[in-house]
Amino acid sequence: MISAGKKTVEIRLFDEKRRRLSVGDSIVFRRTDGRDELAAEIVALHTAPDFGELFRREGMPEKAGFCGASSEECARMMHAIYSPEAEKTYGALGIEIKLSKTEKEKL
């Protein structure tokens, strides 16, 4: 979805690792099977106390690849990955990205 331009925001916990991210940083996404990777640049960081609030922001479900889902449905899907306890501890983060120039050239 990222390489096709249908997903421009990656949703994660706002944990210690992600608190080190800054606009302008490069980030590499790898498939869990290790077959593909994709380089992107961070263009914005969206923080919220929880996934529900993050997904209630205008256009966020679509930007994150959850087209047609409500903010509550999106939050429930994220709880399949991250526990509500971890969400309460760290909060939510939307990492808005654009493909790096080299990635665009590959497409």
C-alpha atoms as a PDB file:
ATOM      1  CA  MET A   1       0.000   0.000   0.000  1.00  0.00           C
ATOM      2  CA  ILE A   2       2.880   2.374   0.712  1.00  0.00           C
ATOM      3  CA  SER A   3       4.580   1.764  -2.626  1.00  0.00           C
ATOM      4  CA  ALA A   4       1.252   2.249  -4.426  1.00  0.00           C
ATOM      5  CA  GLY A   5       0.734   5.590  -2.627  1.00  0.00           C
ATOM      6  CA  LYS A   6      -2.427   4.350  -0.894  1.00  0.00           C
ATOM      7  CA  LYS A   7      -0.898   4.509   2.581  1.00  0.00           C
ATOM      8  CA  THR A   8       0.978   7.636   3.662  1.00  0.00           C
ATOM      9  CA  VAL A   9       0.837   7.207   7.447  1.00  0.00           C
ATOM     10  CA  GLU A  10       2.233   4.326   9.489  1.00  0.00           C
ATOM     11  CA  ILE A  11       0.612   3.896  12.916  1.00  0.00           C
ATOM     12  CA  ARG A  12       2.727   2.817  15.893  1.00  0.00           C
ATOM     13  CA  LEU A  13       3.018   3.263  19.633  1.00  0.00           C
ATOM     14  CA  PHE A  14       4.769   6.479  20.647  1.00  0.00           C
ATOM     15  CA  ASP A  15       7.341   4.446  22.587  1.00  0.00           C
ATOM     16  CA  GLU A  16      10.969   5.256  23.387  1.00  0.00           C
ATOM     17  CA  LYS A  17      12.201   4.112  19.962  1.00  0.00           C
ATOM     18  CA  ARG A  18       9.686   6.276  18.064  1.00  0.00           C
ATOM     19  CA  ARG A  19      10.266   9.313  20.298  1.00  0.00           C
ATOM     20  CA  ARG A  20      13.686   9.599  18.628  1.00  0.00           C
ATOM     21  CA  LEU A  21      12.109  10.136  15.190  1.00  0.00           C
ATOM     22  CA  SER A  22      12.127  13.595  13.603  1.00  0.00           C
ATOM     23  CA  VAL A  23      10.677  15.183  10.504  1.00  0.00           C
ATOM     24  CA  GLY A  24      13.219  14.758   7.698  1.00  0.00           C
ATOM     25  CA  ASP A  25      14.532  11.425   8.986  1.00  0.00           C
ATOM     26  CA  SER A  26      14.734   8.493   6.599  1.00  0.00           C
ATOM     27  CA  ILE A  27      12.949   5.331   7.585  1.00  0.00           C
ATOM     28  CA  VAL A  28      13.059   1.851   6.046  1.00  0.00           C
ATOM     29  CA  PHE A  29      10.021  -0.409   6.130  1.00  0.00           C
ATOM     30  CA  ARG A  30      10.614  -4.143   5.804  1.00  0.00           C
ATOM     31  CA  ARG A  31       8.040  -6.857   5.239  1.00  0.00           C
ATOM     32  CA  THR A  32       7.897  -9.341   8.073  1.00  0.00           C
ATOM     33  CA  ASP A  33       8.916 -12.094   5.642  1.00  0.00           C
ATOM     34  CA  GLY A  34      12.061 -10.080   4.802  1.00  0.00           C
ATOM     35  CA  ARG A  35      11.434 -10.125   1.042  1.00  0.00           C
ATOM     36  CA  ASP A  36      10.996  -6.414   0.401  1.00  0.00           C
ATOM     37  CA  GLU A  37      12.005  -3.119   1.918  1.00  0.00           C
ATOM     38  CA  LEU A  38      11.027   0.435   1.153  1.00  0.00           C
ATOM     39  CA  ALA A  39      12.772   3.710   2.042  1.00  0.00           C
ATOM     40  CA  ALA A  40      10.758   6.821   2.913  1.00  0.00           C
ATOM     41  CA  GLU A  41      11.206  10.253   4.444  1.00  0.00           C
ATOM     42  CA  ILE A  42       9.242  11.409   7.491  1.00  0.00           C
ATOM     43  CA  VAL A  43       7.232  14.521   6.593  1.00  0.00           C
ATOM     44  CA  ALA A  44       5.128  14.825   9.776  1.00  0.00           C
ATOM     45  CA  LEU A  45       4.628  13.163  13.156  1.00  0.00           C
ATOM     46  CA  HIS A  46       1.104  13.022  14.607  1.00  0.00           C
ATOM     47  CA  THR A  47       0.860  12.158  18.313  1.00  0.00           C
ATOM     48  CA  ALA A  48      -2.218  11.384  20.376  1.00  0.00           C
ATOM     49  CA  PRO A  49      -2.931   9.875  23.803  1.00  0.00           C
ATOM     50  CA  ASP A  50      -4.616   6.863  22.158  1.00  0.00           C
ATOM     51  CA  PHE A  51      -5.369   5.263  18.789  1.00  0.00           C
ATOM     52  CA  GLY A  52      -9.018   6.339  18.843  1.00  0.00           C
ATOM     53  CA  GLU A  53      -8.112  10.008  19.084  1.00  0.00           C
ATOM     54  CA  LEU A  54      -5.447   9.665  16.417  1.00  0.00           C
ATOM     55  CA  PHE A  55      -7.886   8.013  14.017  1.00  0.00           C
ATOM     56  CA  ARG A  56     -10.570  10.669  14.667  1.00  0.00           C
ATOM     57  CA  ARG A  57      -8.372  13.256  12.961  1.00  0.00           C
ATOM     58  CA  GLU A  58      -9.515  14.196   9.492  1.00  0.00           C
ATOM     59  CA  GLY A  59      -8.487  11.665   6.863  1.00  0.00           C
ATOM     60  CA  MET A  60      -6.327   9.589   9.198  1.00  0.00           C
ATOM     61  CA  PRO A  61      -8.046   6.212   8.628  1.00  0.00           C
ATOM     62  CA  GLU A  62      -7.609   6.586   4.858  1.00  0.00           C
ATOM     63  CA  LYS A  63      -4.017   7.861   5.121  1.00  0.00           C
ATOM     64  CA  ALA A  64      -3.189   4.851   7.322  1.00  0.00           C
ATOM     65  CA  GLY A  65      -4.738   2.362   4.902  1.00  0.00           C
ATOM     66  CA  PHE A  66      -7.957   1.722   6.849  1.00  0.00           C
ATOM     67  CA  CYS A  67     -10.304   3.027   4.140  1.00  0.00           C
ATOM     68  CA  GLY A  68     -13.947   2.941   5.145  1.00  0.00           C
ATOM     69  CA  ALA A  69     -13.301   1.966   8.776  1.00  0.00           C
ATOM     70  CA  SER A  70     -14.506   4.096  11.681  1.00  0.00           C
ATOM     71  CA  SER A  71     -12.016   5.469  14.207  1.00  0.00           C
ATOM     72  CA  GLU A  72     -13.281   2.892  16.727  1.00  0.00           C
ATOM     73  CA  GLU A  73     -12.769   0.028  14.257  1.00  0.00           C
ATOM     74  CA  CYS A  74      -9.266   1.279  13.461  1.00  0.00           C
ATOM     75  CA  ALA A  75      -8.397   1.452  17.173  1.00  0.00           C
ATOM     76  CA  ARG A  76      -9.681  -2.114  17.684  1.00  0.00           C
ATOM     77  CA  MET A  77      -7.507  -3.324  14.793  1.00  0.00           C
ATOM     78  CA  MET A  78      -4.478  -1.661  16.376  1.00  0.00           C
ATOM     79  CA  HIS A  79      -5.255  -3.446  19.653  1.00  0.00           C
ATOM     80  CA  ALA A  80      -4.672  -6.720  17.815  1.00  0.00           C
ATOM     81  CA  ILE A  81      -1.039  -5.549  17.499  1.00  0.00           C
ATOM     82  CA  TYR A  82      -0.532  -3.411  20.608  1.00  0.00           C
ATOM     83  CA  SER A  83      -2.171  -3.988  23.979  1.00  0.00           C
ATOM     84  CA  PRO A  84      -4.437  -1.313  25.487  1.00  0.00           C
ATOM     85  CA  GLU A  85      -1.995  -1.192  28.410  1.00  0.00           C
ATOM     86  CA  ALA A  86       0.917  -0.327  26.088  1.00  0.00           C
ATOM     87  CA  GLU A  87      -1.282   2.243  24.344  1.00  0.00           C
ATOM     88  CA  LYS A  88      -2.091   3.846  27.709  1.00  0.00           C
ATOM     89  CA  THR A  89       1.607   3.880  28.671  1.00  0.00           C
ATOM     90  CA  TYR A  90       3.002   5.314  25.433  1.00  0.00           C
ATOM     91  CA  GLY A  91       0.208   6.904  23.406  1.00  0.00           C
ATOM     92  CA  ALA A  92      -0.191   6.680  19.647  1.00  0.00           C
ATOM     93  CA  LEU A  93       1.899   7.953  16.762  1.00  0.00           C
ATOM     94  CA  GLY A  94       1.131   8.482  13.101  1.00  0.00           C
ATOM     95  CA  ILE A  95       4.326   8.651  11.044  1.00  0.00           C
ATOM     96  CA  GLU A  96       3.475  10.539   7.853  1.00  0.00           C
ATOM     97  CA  ILE A  97       5.856   9.637   5.048  1.00  0.00           C
ATOM     98  CA  LYS A  98       6.678  10.163   1.412  1.00  0.00           C
ATOM     99  CA  LEU A  99       8.660   7.741  -0.689  1.00  0.00           C
ATOM    100  CA  SER A 100      12.309   8.588  -1.072  1.00  0.00           C
ATOM    101  CA  LYS A 101      13.448   9.734  -4.497  1.00  0.00           C
ATOM    102  CA  THR A 102      15.250   6.427  -5.130  1.00  0.00           C
ATOM    103  CA  GLU A 103      12.090   4.465  -4.296  1.00  0.00           C
ATOM    104  CA  LYS A 104      10.057   6.548  -6.753  1.00  0.00           C
ATOM    105  CA  GLU A 105      12.659   5.846  -9.440  1.00  0.00           C
ATOM    106  CA  LYS A 106      12.323   2.093  -8.825  1.00  0.00           C
ATOM    107  CA  LEU A 107       8.557   2.230  -9.454  1.00  0.00           C
END
